[in-house]
């Protein structure tokens, strides 16, 4: 993580903290590919808040599709997926079906 100068404003410090380092970017490409694959297969729900992808073990991931406002967000779609080394989804439980 890079160092924030002592004279940085709070806004600058927050921006610096949110910029992924090159190492984080390389590590997250697989999750980004899985996220995109789920949205292509499922469609884009109205009020999409985020799609979280959490590595579990090996090639297995938990994917939650969050919709709504922050305080009232819900997870209408949740999947346990297996992906290959490129991030392509090989299997999903339940199967991802086009809904939106």
PDB file of N, CA and C in Angstrom:
ATOM      1  N   UNK A   1       0.841  -1.168   0.000  1.00  0.00           N
ATOM      2  CA  UNK A   1       0.000   0.000   0.000  1.00  0.00           C
ATOM      3  C   UNK A   1       0.886   1.230   0.000  1.00  0.00           C
ATOM      4  N   UNK A   2       0.517   2.222  -0.776  1.00  0.00           N
ATOM      5  CA  UNK A   2       1.347   3.409  -0.869  1.00  0.00           C
ATOM      6  C   UNK A   2       1.124   4.303   0.344  1.00  0.00           C
ATOM      7  N   UNK A   3       2.094   5.142   0.600  1.00  0.00           N
ATOM      8  CA  UNK A   3       2.029   6.046   1.741  1.00  0.00           C
ATOM      9  C   UNK A   3       1.336   7.335   1.335  1.00  0.00           C
ATOM     10  N   UNK A   4       0.443   7.818   2.185  1.00  0.00           N
ATOM     11  CA  UNK A   4      -0.238   9.086   1.951  1.00  0.00           C
ATOM     12  C   UNK A   4       0.580  10.168   2.635  1.00  0.00           C
ATOM     13  N   UNK A   5       0.891  11.276   1.918  1.00  0.00           N
ATOM     14  CA  UNK A   5       1.670  12.343   2.540  1.00  0.00           C
ATOM     15  C   UNK A   5       0.939  12.900   3.760  1.00  0.00           C
ATOM     16  N   UNK A   6       1.699  13.391   4.741  1.00  0.00           N
ATOM     17  CA  UNK A   6       1.118  13.942   5.962  1.00  0.00           C
ATOM     18  C   UNK A   6       0.215  15.136   5.673  1.00  0.00           C
ATOM     19  N   UNK A   7       0.448  15.869   4.591  1.00  0.00           N
ATOM     20  CA  UNK A   7      -0.337  17.056   4.277  1.00  0.00           C
ATOM     21  C   UNK A   7      -1.558  16.741   3.420  1.00  0.00           C
ATOM     22  N   UNK A   8      -1.828  15.491   3.149  1.00  0.00           N
ATOM     23  CA  UNK A   8      -2.960  15.119   2.298  1.00  0.00           C
ATOM     24  C   UNK A   8      -4.274  15.437   2.998  1.00  0.00           C
ATOM     25  N   UNK A   9      -5.249  15.870   2.201  1.00  0.00           N
ATOM     26  CA  UNK A   9      -6.582  16.096   2.748  1.00  0.00           C
ATOM     27  C   UNK A   9      -7.264  14.749   2.935  1.00  0.00           C
ATOM     28  N   UNK A  10      -8.366  14.749   3.664  1.00  0.00           N
ATOM     29  CA  UNK A  10      -9.115  13.511   3.878  1.00  0.00           C
ATOM     30  C   UNK A  10      -9.578  12.938   2.543  1.00  0.00           C
ATOM     31  N   UNK A  11     -10.057  13.796   1.642  1.00  0.00           N
ATOM     32  CA  UNK A  11     -10.515  13.330   0.332  1.00  0.00           C
ATOM     33  C   UNK A  11      -9.380  12.670  -0.444  1.00  0.00           C
ATOM     34  N   UNK A  12      -8.186  13.254  -0.390  1.00  0.00           N
ATOM     35  CA  UNK A  12      -7.042  12.672  -1.084  1.00  0.00           C
ATOM     36  C   UNK A  12      -6.656  11.333  -0.466  1.00  0.00           C
ATOM     37  N   UNK A  13      -6.716  11.235   0.846  1.00  0.00           N
ATOM     38  CA  UNK A  13      -6.376   9.984   1.525  1.00  0.00           C
ATOM     39  C   UNK A  13      -7.361   8.884   1.165  1.00  0.00           C
ATOM     40  N   UNK A  14      -8.647   9.224   1.103  1.00  0.00           N
ATOM     41  CA  UNK A  14      -9.665   8.242   0.732  1.00  0.00           C
ATOM     42  C   UNK A  14      -9.454   7.789  -0.700  1.00  0.00           C
ATOM     43  N   UNK A  15      -9.204   8.729  -1.602  1.00  0.00           N
ATOM     44  CA  UNK A  15      -8.973   8.377  -3.011  1.00  0.00           C
ATOM     45  C   UNK A  15      -7.760   7.471  -3.143  1.00  0.00           C
ATOM     46  N   UNK A  16      -6.693   7.781  -2.431  1.00  0.00           N
ATOM     47  CA  UNK A  16      -5.472   6.971  -2.476  1.00  0.00           C
ATOM     48  C   UNK A  16      -5.748   5.558  -1.979  1.00  0.00           C
ATOM     49  N   UNK A  17      -6.555   5.438  -0.934  1.00  0.00           N
ATOM     50  CA  UNK A  17      -6.861   4.129  -0.363  1.00  0.00           C
ATOM     51  C   UNK A  17      -7.722   3.294  -1.295  1.00  0.00           C
ATOM     52  N   UNK A  18      -8.520   3.939  -2.147  1.00  0.00           N
ATOM     53  CA  UNK A  18      -9.424   3.216  -3.024  1.00  0.00           C
ATOM     54  C   UNK A  18      -8.777   2.779  -4.328  1.00  0.00           C
ATOM     55  N   UNK A  19      -7.648   3.334  -4.678  1.00  0.00           N
ATOM     56  CA  UNK A  19      -6.966   2.966  -5.914  1.00  0.00           C
ATOM     57  C   UNK A  19      -6.240   1.651  -5.678  1.00  0.00           C
ATOM     58  N   UNK A  20      -6.612   0.590  -6.431  1.00  0.00           N
ATOM     59  CA  UNK A  20      -5.947  -0.696  -6.206  1.00  0.00           C
ATOM     60  C   UNK A  20      -4.492  -0.651  -6.650  1.00  0.00           C
ATOM     61  N   UNK A  21      -3.657  -1.324  -5.913  1.00  0.00           N
ATOM     62  CA  UNK A  21      -2.254  -1.415  -6.295  1.00  0.00           C
ATOM     63  C   UNK A  21      -2.142  -2.369  -7.481  1.00  0.00           C
ATOM     64  N   UNK A  22      -1.030  -2.323  -8.232  1.00  0.00           N
ATOM     65  CA  UNK A  22      -0.862  -3.262  -9.350  1.00  0.00           C
ATOM     66  C   UNK A  22      -0.975  -4.716  -8.914  1.00  0.00           C
ATOM     67  N   UNK A  23      -0.512  -5.044  -7.717  1.00  0.00           N
ATOM     68  CA  UNK A  23      -0.606  -6.422  -7.226  1.00  0.00           C
ATOM     69  C   UNK A  23      -2.066  -6.802  -7.023  1.00  0.00           C
ATOM     70  N   UNK A  24      -2.860  -5.913  -6.397  1.00  0.00           N
ATOM     71  CA  UNK A  24      -4.279  -6.187  -6.190  1.00  0.00           C
ATOM     72  C   UNK A  24      -4.998  -6.337  -7.522  1.00  0.00           C
ATOM     73  N   UNK A  25      -4.660  -5.507  -8.500  1.00  0.00           N
ATOM     74  CA  UNK A  25      -5.304  -5.588  -9.811  1.00  0.00           C
ATOM     75  C   UNK A  25      -5.023  -6.932 -10.471  1.00  0.00           C
ATOM     76  N   UNK A  26      -3.784  -7.408 -10.378  1.00  0.00           N
ATOM     77  CA  UNK A  26      -3.448  -8.703 -10.971  1.00  0.00           C
ATOM     78  C   UNK A  26      -4.189  -9.829 -10.260  1.00  0.00           C
ATOM     79  N   UNK A  27      -4.332  -9.727  -8.957  1.00  0.00           N
ATOM     80  CA  UNK A  27      -4.982 -10.776  -8.189  1.00  0.00           C
ATOM     81  C   UNK A  27      -6.494 -10.797  -8.390  1.00  0.00           C
ATOM     82  N   UNK A  28      -7.094  -9.673  -8.718  1.00  0.00           N
ATOM     83  CA  UNK A  28      -8.548  -9.581  -8.804  1.00  0.00           C
ATOM     84  C   UNK A  28      -9.105  -9.819 -10.201  1.00  0.00           C
ATOM     85  N   UNK A  29      -8.286 -10.020 -11.194  1.00  0.00           N
ATOM     86  CA  UNK A  29      -8.798 -10.170 -12.559  1.00  0.00           C
ATOM     87  C   UNK A  29      -9.724 -11.374 -12.674  1.00  0.00           C
ATOM     88  N   UNK A  30      -9.424 -12.434 -11.945  1.00  0.00           N
ATOM     89  CA  UNK A  30     -10.256 -13.643 -12.012  1.00  0.00           C
ATOM     90  C   UNK A  30     -11.649 -13.358 -11.448  1.00  0.00           C
ATOM     91  N   UNK A  31     -11.711 -12.662 -10.305  1.00  0.00           N
ATOM     92  CA  UNK A  31     -12.997 -12.293  -9.724  1.00  0.00           C
ATOM     93  C   UNK A  31     -13.781 -11.368 -10.650  1.00  0.00           C
ATOM     94  N   UNK A  32     -13.085 -10.443 -11.308  1.00  0.00           N
ATOM     95  CA  UNK A  32     -13.750  -9.536 -12.253  1.00  0.00           C
ATOM     96  C   UNK A  32     -14.349 -10.314 -13.426  1.00  0.00           C
ATOM     97  N   UNK A  33     -13.643 -11.322 -13.916  1.00  0.00           N
ATOM     98  CA  UNK A  33     -14.150 -12.149 -15.013  1.00  0.00           C
ATOM     99  C   UNK A  33     -15.368 -12.946 -14.563  1.00  0.00           C
ATOM    100  N   UNK A  34     -15.335 -13.483 -13.357  1.00  0.00           N
ATOM    101  CA  UNK A  34     -16.483 -14.219 -12.815  1.00  0.00           C
ATOM    102  C   UNK A  34     -17.673 -13.282 -12.675  1.00  0.00           C
ATOM    103  N   UNK A  35     -17.452 -12.091 -12.127  1.00  0.00           N
ATOM    104  CA  UNK A  35     -18.515 -11.091 -11.952  1.00  0.00           C
ATOM    105  C   UNK A  35     -19.168 -10.769 -13.295  1.00  0.00           C
ATOM    106  N   UNK A  36     -18.358 -10.537 -14.303  1.00  0.00           N
ATOM    107  CA  UNK A  36     -18.887 -10.222 -15.633  1.00  0.00           C
ATOM    108  C   UNK A  36     -19.657 -11.406 -16.203  1.00  0.00           C
ATOM    109  N   UNK A  37     -19.150 -12.621 -16.013  1.00  0.00           N
ATOM    110  CA  UNK A  37     -19.829 -13.814 -16.520  1.00  0.00           C
ATOM    111  C   UNK A  37     -21.191 -14.020 -15.891  1.00  0.00           C
ATOM    112  N   UNK A  38     -21.305 -13.757 -14.590  1.00  0.00           N
ATOM    113  CA  UNK A  38     -22.601 -13.888 -13.916  1.00  0.00           C
ATOM    114  C   UNK A  38     -23.583 -12.866 -14.479  1.00  0.00           C
ATOM    115  N   UNK A  39     -23.150 -11.623 -14.658  1.00  0.00           N
ATOM    116  CA  UNK A  39     -24.056 -10.595 -15.174  1.00  0.00           C
ATOM    117  C   UNK A  39     -24.471 -10.862 -16.615  1.00  0.00           C
ATOM    118  N   UNK A  40     -23.586 -11.429 -17.414  1.00  0.00           N
ATOM    119  CA  UNK A  40     -23.949 -11.776 -18.794  1.00  0.00           C
ATOM    120  C   UNK A  40     -25.004 -12.872 -18.787  1.00  0.00           C
ATOM    121  N   UNK A  41     -24.815 -13.889 -17.963  1.00  0.00           N
ATOM    122  CA  UNK A  41     -25.753 -15.017 -17.918  1.00  0.00           C
ATOM    123  C   UNK A  41     -27.077 -14.638 -17.260  1.00  0.00           C
ATOM    124  N   UNK A  42     -27.033 -13.837 -16.208  1.00  0.00           N
ATOM    125  CA  UNK A  42     -28.217 -13.478 -15.434  1.00  0.00           C
ATOM    126  C   UNK A  42     -28.976 -12.311 -16.041  1.00  0.00           C
ATOM    127  N   UNK A  43     -28.256 -11.374 -16.626  1.00  0.00           N
ATOM    128  CA  UNK A  43     -28.835 -10.101 -17.032  1.00  0.00           C
ATOM    129  C   UNK A  43     -28.538  -9.085 -15.940  1.00  0.00           C
ATOM    130  N   UNK A  44     -28.872  -7.825 -16.197  1.00  0.00           N
ATOM    131  CA  UNK A  44     -28.582  -6.761 -15.224  1.00  0.00           C
ATOM    132  C   UNK A  44     -29.862  -6.376 -14.493  1.00  0.00           C
ATOM    133  N   UNK A  45     -29.960  -6.700 -13.190  1.00  0.00           N
ATOM    134  CA  UNK A  45     -31.172  -6.354 -12.444  1.00  0.00           C
ATOM    135  C   UNK A  45     -31.318  -4.843 -12.270  1.00  0.00           C
ATOM    136  N   UNK A  46     -32.564  -4.387 -12.138  1.00  0.00           N
ATOM    137  CA  UNK A  46     -32.792  -2.981 -11.841  1.00  0.00           C
ATOM    138  C   UNK A  46     -32.241  -2.700 -10.457  1.00  0.00           C
ATOM    139  N   UNK A  47     -31.757  -1.526 -10.249  1.00  0.00           N
ATOM    140  CA  UNK A  47     -31.174  -1.090  -8.976  1.00  0.00           C
ATOM    141  C   UNK A  47     -30.012  -1.981  -8.532  1.00  0.00           C
ATOM    142  N   UNK A  48     -29.218  -2.445  -9.490  1.00  0.00           N
ATOM    143  CA  UNK A  48     -28.038  -3.243  -9.142  1.00  0.00           C
ATOM    144  C   UNK A  48     -27.118  -2.403  -8.266  1.00  0.00           C
ATOM    145  N   UNK A  49     -26.789  -2.916  -7.105  1.00  0.00           N
ATOM    146  CA  UNK A  49     -25.882  -2.224  -6.190  1.00  0.00           C
ATOM    147  C   UNK A  49     -24.456  -2.722  -6.397  1.00  0.00           C
ATOM    148  N   UNK A  50     -24.277  -4.046  -6.351  1.00  0.00           N
ATOM    149  CA  UNK A  50     -22.953  -4.629  -6.590  1.00  0.00           C
ATOM    150  C   UNK A  50     -23.087  -6.139  -6.756  1.00  0.00           C
ATOM    151  N   UNK A  51     -22.033  -6.729  -7.282  1.00  0.00           N
ATOM    152  CA  UNK A  51     -21.922  -8.183  -7.375  1.00  0.00           C
ATOM    153  C   UNK A  51     -20.653  -8.540  -6.612  1.00  0.00           C
ATOM    154  N   UNK A  52     -20.814  -9.215  -5.481  1.00  0.00           N
ATOM    155  CA  UNK A  52     -19.644  -9.588  -4.678  1.00  0.00           C
ATOM    156  C   UNK A  52     -19.205 -10.999  -5.055  1.00  0.00           C
ATOM    157  N   UNK A  53     -17.905 -11.160  -5.219  1.00  0.00           N
ATOM    158  CA  UNK A  53     -17.310 -12.459  -5.549  1.00  0.00           C
ATOM    159  C   UNK A  53     -16.279 -12.756  -4.472  1.00  0.00           C
ATOM    160  N   UNK A  54     -16.491 -13.825  -3.739  1.00  0.00           N
ATOM    161  CA  UNK A  54     -15.588 -14.207  -2.654  1.00  0.00           C
ATOM    162  C   UNK A  54     -14.957 -15.556  -2.956  1.00  0.00           C
ATOM    163  N   UNK A  55     -13.629 -15.590  -2.945  1.00  0.00           N
ATOM    164  CA  UNK A  55     -12.917 -16.855  -3.135  1.00  0.00           C
ATOM    165  C   UNK A  55     -13.126 -17.715  -1.893  1.00  0.00           C
ATOM    166  N   UNK A  56     -13.440 -18.981  -2.097  1.00  0.00           N
ATOM    167  CA  UNK A  56     -13.639 -19.908  -0.985  1.00  0.00           C
ATOM    168  C   UNK A  56     -12.431 -20.821  -0.857  1.00  0.00           C
ATOM    169  N   UNK A  57     -12.306 -21.805  -1.713  1.00  0.00           N
ATOM    170  CA  UNK A  57     -11.146 -22.699  -1.735  1.00  0.00           C
ATOM    171  C   UNK A  57     -10.979 -23.185  -3.164  1.00  0.00           C
ATOM    172  N   UNK A  58      -9.765 -23.445  -3.537  1.00  0.00           N
ATOM    173  CA  UNK A  58      -9.492 -23.929  -4.893  1.00  0.00           C
ATOM    174  C   UNK A  58     -10.099 -23.008  -5.934  1.00  0.00           C
ATOM    175  N   UNK A  59     -10.908 -23.581  -6.798  1.00  0.00           N
ATOM    176  CA  UNK A  59     -11.551 -22.829  -7.877  1.00  0.00           C
ATOM    177  C   UNK A  59     -13.002 -22.495  -7.555  1.00  0.00           C
ATOM    178  N   UNK A  60     -13.372 -22.481  -6.278  1.00  0.00           N
ATOM    179  CA  UNK A  60     -14.759 -22.276  -5.862  1.00  0.00           C
ATOM    180  C   UNK A  60     -14.969 -20.877  -5.294  1.00  0.00           C
ATOM    181  N   UNK A  61     -16.111 -20.279  -5.655  1.00  0.00           N
ATOM    182  CA  UNK A  61     -16.429 -18.911  -5.266  1.00  0.00           C
ATOM    183  C   UNK A  61     -17.889 -18.802  -4.863  1.00  0.00           C
ATOM    184  N   UNK A  62     -18.182 -17.847  -3.980  1.00  0.00           N
ATOM    185  CA  UNK A  62     -19.553 -17.470  -3.652  1.00  0.00           C
ATOM    186  C   UNK A  62     -19.797 -16.137  -4.338  1.00  0.00           C
ATOM    187  N   UNK A  63     -20.889 -16.059  -5.110  1.00  0.00           N
ATOM    188  CA  UNK A  63     -21.242 -14.838  -5.821  1.00  0.00           C
ATOM    189  C   UNK A  63     -22.609 -14.384  -5.330  1.00  0.00           C
ATOM    190  N   UNK A  64     -22.687 -13.157  -4.818  1.00  0.00           N
ATOM    191  CA  UNK A  64     -23.948 -12.569  -4.380  1.00  0.00           C
ATOM    192  C   UNK A  64     -24.247 -11.345  -5.221  1.00  0.00           C
ATOM    193  N   UNK A  65     -25.464 -11.261  -5.750  1.00  0.00           N
ATOM    194  CA  UNK A  65     -25.913 -10.114  -6.531  1.00  0.00           C
ATOM    195  C   UNK A  65     -26.764  -9.253  -5.599  1.00  0.00           C
ATOM    196  N   UNK A  66     -26.292  -8.050  -5.285  1.00  0.00           N
ATOM    197  CA  UNK A  66     -26.969  -7.131  -4.370  1.00  0.00           C
ATOM    198  C   UNK A  66     -27.762  -6.103  -5.164  1.00  0.00           C
ATOM    199  N   UNK A  67     -29.013  -5.853  -4.757  1.00  0.00           N
ATOM    200  CA  UNK A  67     -29.835  -4.828  -5.398  1.00  0.00           C
ATOM    201  C   UNK A  67     -30.445  -3.929  -4.331  1.00  0.00           C
ATOM    202  N   UNK A  68     -30.869  -2.743  -4.749  1.00  0.00           N
ATOM    203  CA  UNK A  68     -31.533  -1.801  -3.849  1.00  0.00           C
ATOM    204  C   UNK A  68     -30.586  -0.735  -3.349  1.00  0.00           C
ATOM    205  N   UNK A  69     -31.106   0.062  -2.432  1.00  0.00           N
ATOM    206  CA  UNK A  69     -30.310   1.117  -1.802  1.00  0.00           C
ATOM    207  C   UNK A  69     -29.443   0.496  -0.714  1.00  0.00           C
ATOM    208  N   UNK A  70     -28.432   1.214  -0.281  1.00  0.00           N
ATOM    209  CA  UNK A  70     -27.503   0.693   0.733  1.00  0.00           C
ATOM    210  C   UNK A  70     -28.202   0.161   1.974  1.00  0.00           C
ATOM    211  N   UNK A  71     -29.101   0.937   2.554  1.00  0.00           N
ATOM    212  CA  UNK A  71     -29.736   0.541   3.816  1.00  0.00           C
ATOM    213  C   UNK A  71     -30.736  -0.592   3.639  1.00  0.00           C
ATOM    214  N   UNK A  72     -31.326  -0.690   2.454  1.00  0.00           N
ATOM    215  CA  UNK A  72     -32.353  -1.720   2.237  1.00  0.00           C
ATOM    216  C   UNK A  72     -31.931  -2.736   1.179  1.00  0.00           C
ATOM    217  N   UNK A  73     -30.639  -2.914   0.995  1.00  0.00           N
ATOM    218  CA  UNK A  73     -30.137  -3.825  -0.037  1.00  0.00           C
ATOM    219  C   UNK A  73     -30.538  -5.269   0.260  1.00  0.00           C
ATOM    220  N   UNK A  74     -30.819  -6.005  -0.814  1.00  0.00           N
ATOM    221  CA  UNK A  74     -31.154  -7.421  -0.695  1.00  0.00           C
ATOM    222  C   UNK A  74     -30.284  -8.220  -1.655  1.00  0.00           C
ATOM    223  N   UNK A  75     -30.252  -9.526  -1.454  1.00  0.00           N
ATOM    224  CA  UNK A  75     -29.502 -10.435  -2.322  1.00  0.00           C
ATOM    225  C   UNK A  75     -30.518 -11.349  -2.999  1.00  0.00           C
ATOM    226  N   UNK A  76     -31.074 -10.924  -4.154  1.00  0.00           N
ATOM    227  CA  UNK A  76     -32.065 -11.762  -4.827  1.00  0.00           C
ATOM    228  C   UNK A  76     -31.455 -12.965  -5.541  1.00  0.00           C
ATOM    229  N   UNK A  77     -30.146 -12.915  -5.804  1.00  0.00           N
ATOM    230  CA  UNK A  77     -29.478 -14.003  -6.511  1.00  0.00           C
ATOM    231  C   UNK A  77     -28.152 -14.311  -5.827  1.00  0.00           C
ATOM    232  N   UNK A  78     -27.930 -15.591  -5.531  1.00  0.00           N
ATOM    233  CA  UNK A  78     -26.699 -16.025  -4.888  1.00  0.00           C
ATOM    234  C   UNK A  78     -26.293 -17.361  -5.500  1.00  0.00           C
ATOM    235  N   UNK A  79     -25.010 -17.491  -5.822  1.00  0.00           N
ATOM    236  CA  UNK A  79     -24.530 -18.682  -6.518  1.00  0.00           C
ATOM    237  C   UNK A  79     -23.229 -19.187  -5.905  1.00  0.00           C
ATOM    238  N   UNK A  80     -23.061 -20.485  -5.933  1.00  0.00           N
ATOM    239  CA  UNK A  80     -21.797 -21.140  -5.620  1.00  0.00           C
ATOM    240  C   UNK A  80     -21.246 -21.562  -6.973  1.00  0.00           C
ATOM    241  N   UNK A  81     -20.127 -20.974  -7.388  1.00  0.00           N
ATOM    242  CA  UNK A  81     -19.608 -21.259  -8.726  1.00  0.00           C
ATOM    243  C   UNK A  81     -18.209 -21.861  -8.662  1.00  0.00           C
ATOM    244  N   UNK A  82     -17.915 -22.639  -9.697  1.00  0.00           N
ATOM    245  CA  UNK A  82     -16.576 -23.161  -9.929  1.00  0.00           C
ATOM    246  C   UNK A  82     -16.095 -22.530 -11.228  1.00  0.00           C
ATOM    247  N   UNK A  83     -14.894 -21.959 -11.205  1.00  0.00           N
ATOM    248  CA  UNK A  83     -14.358 -21.276 -12.378  1.00  0.00           C
ATOM    249  C   UNK A  83     -12.982 -21.830 -12.718  1.00  0.00           C
ATOM    250  N   UNK A  84     -12.628 -21.743 -14.002  1.00  0.00           N
ATOM    251  CA  UNK A  84     -11.298 -22.204 -14.412  1.00  0.00           C
ATOM    252  C   UNK A  84     -10.259 -21.119 -14.126  1.00  0.00           C
ATOM    253  N   UNK A  85      -9.027 -21.371 -14.521  1.00  0.00           N
ATOM    254  CA  UNK A  85      -7.939 -20.435 -14.231  1.00  0.00           C
ATOM    255  C   UNK A  85      -8.097 -19.091 -14.931  1.00  0.00           C
ATOM    256  N   UNK A  86      -8.925 -19.032 -15.969  1.00  0.00           N
ATOM    257  CA  UNK A  86      -9.185 -17.768 -16.667  1.00  0.00           C
ATOM    258  C   UNK A  86     -10.376 -17.020 -16.093  1.00  0.00           C
ATOM    259  N   UNK A  87     -11.088 -17.643 -15.140  1.00  0.00           N
ATOM    260  CA  UNK A  87     -12.256 -17.009 -14.545  1.00  0.00           C
ATOM    261  C   UNK A  87     -13.558 -17.366 -15.229  1.00  0.00           C
ATOM    262  N   UNK A  88     -13.511 -18.259 -16.216  1.00  0.00           N
ATOM    263  CA  UNK A  88     -14.736 -18.670 -16.898  1.00  0.00           C
ATOM    264  C   UNK A  88     -15.505 -19.645 -16.015  1.00  0.00           C
ATOM    265  N   UNK A  89     -16.803 -19.432 -15.895  1.00  0.00           N
ATOM    266  CA  UNK A  89     -17.634 -20.240 -15.011  1.00  0.00           C
ATOM    267  C   UNK A  89     -17.858 -21.614 -15.628  1.00  0.00           C
ATOM    268  N   UNK A  90     -17.466 -22.651 -14.898  1.00  0.00           N
ATOM    269  CA  UNK A  90     -17.621 -24.028 -15.355  1.00  0.00           C
ATOM    270  C   UNK A  90     -18.914 -24.643 -14.831  1.00  0.00           C
ATOM    271  N   UNK A  91     -19.280 -24.256 -13.607  1.00  0.00           N
ATOM    272  CA  UNK A  91     -20.440 -24.852 -12.952  1.00  0.00           C
ATOM    273  C   UNK A  91     -21.011 -23.838 -11.972  1.00  0.00           C
ATOM    274  N   UNK A  92     -22.321 -23.887 -11.782  1.00  0.00           N
ATOM    275  CA  UNK A  92     -22.976 -22.993 -10.840  1.00  0.00           C
ATOM    276  C   UNK A  92     -24.105 -23.725 -10.137  1.00  0.00           C
ATOM    277  N   UNK A  93     -24.233 -23.467  -8.845  1.00  0.00           N
ATOM    278  CA  UNK A  93     -25.333 -24.036  -8.070  1.00  0.00           C
ATOM    279  C   UNK A  93     -26.007 -22.917  -7.299  1.00  0.00           C
ATOM    280  N   UNK A  94     -27.244 -22.584  -7.545  1.00  0.00           N
ATOM    281  CA  UNK A  94     -28.093 -23.134  -8.595  1.00  0.00           C
ATOM    282  C   UNK A  94     -27.608 -22.658  -9.964  1.00  0.00           C
ATOM    283  N   UNK A  95     -28.079 -23.294 -11.027  1.00  0.00           N
ATOM    284  CA  UNK A  95     -27.698 -22.856 -12.370  1.00  0.00           C
ATOM    285  C   UNK A  95     -28.122 -21.402 -12.607  1.00  0.00           C
ATOM    286  N   UNK A  96     -27.276 -20.631 -13.279  1.00  0.00           N
ATOM    287  CA  UNK A  96     -27.591 -19.230 -13.573  1.00  0.00           C
ATOM    288  C   UNK A  96     -28.490 -19.195 -14.801  1.00  0.00           C
ATOM    289  N   UNK A  97     -29.667 -18.616 -14.638  1.00  0.00           N
ATOM    290  CA  UNK A  97     -30.617 -18.490 -15.743  1.00  0.00           C
ATOM    291  C   UNK A  97     -30.901 -17.019 -15.991  1.00  0.00           C
ATOM    292  N   UNK A  98     -31.139 -16.669 -17.255  1.00  0.00           N
ATOM    293  CA  UNK A  98     -31.436 -15.288 -17.623  1.00  0.00           C
ATOM    294  C   UNK A  98     -32.719 -14.860 -16.927  1.00  0.00           C
ATOM    295  N   UNK A  99     -32.653 -13.806 -16.125  1.00  0.00           N
ATOM    296  CA  UNK A  99     -33.820 -13.311 -15.407  1.00  0.00           C
ATOM    297  C   UNK A  99     -34.129 -11.855 -15.704  1.00  0.00           C
ATOM    298  N   UNK A 100     -33.137 -11.115 -16.156  1.00  0.00           N
ATOM    299  CA  UNK A 100     -33.327  -9.674 -16.335  1.00  0.00           C
ATOM    300  C   UNK A 100     -33.020  -9.265 -17.759  1.00  0.00           C
TER     301      UNK A 100
END
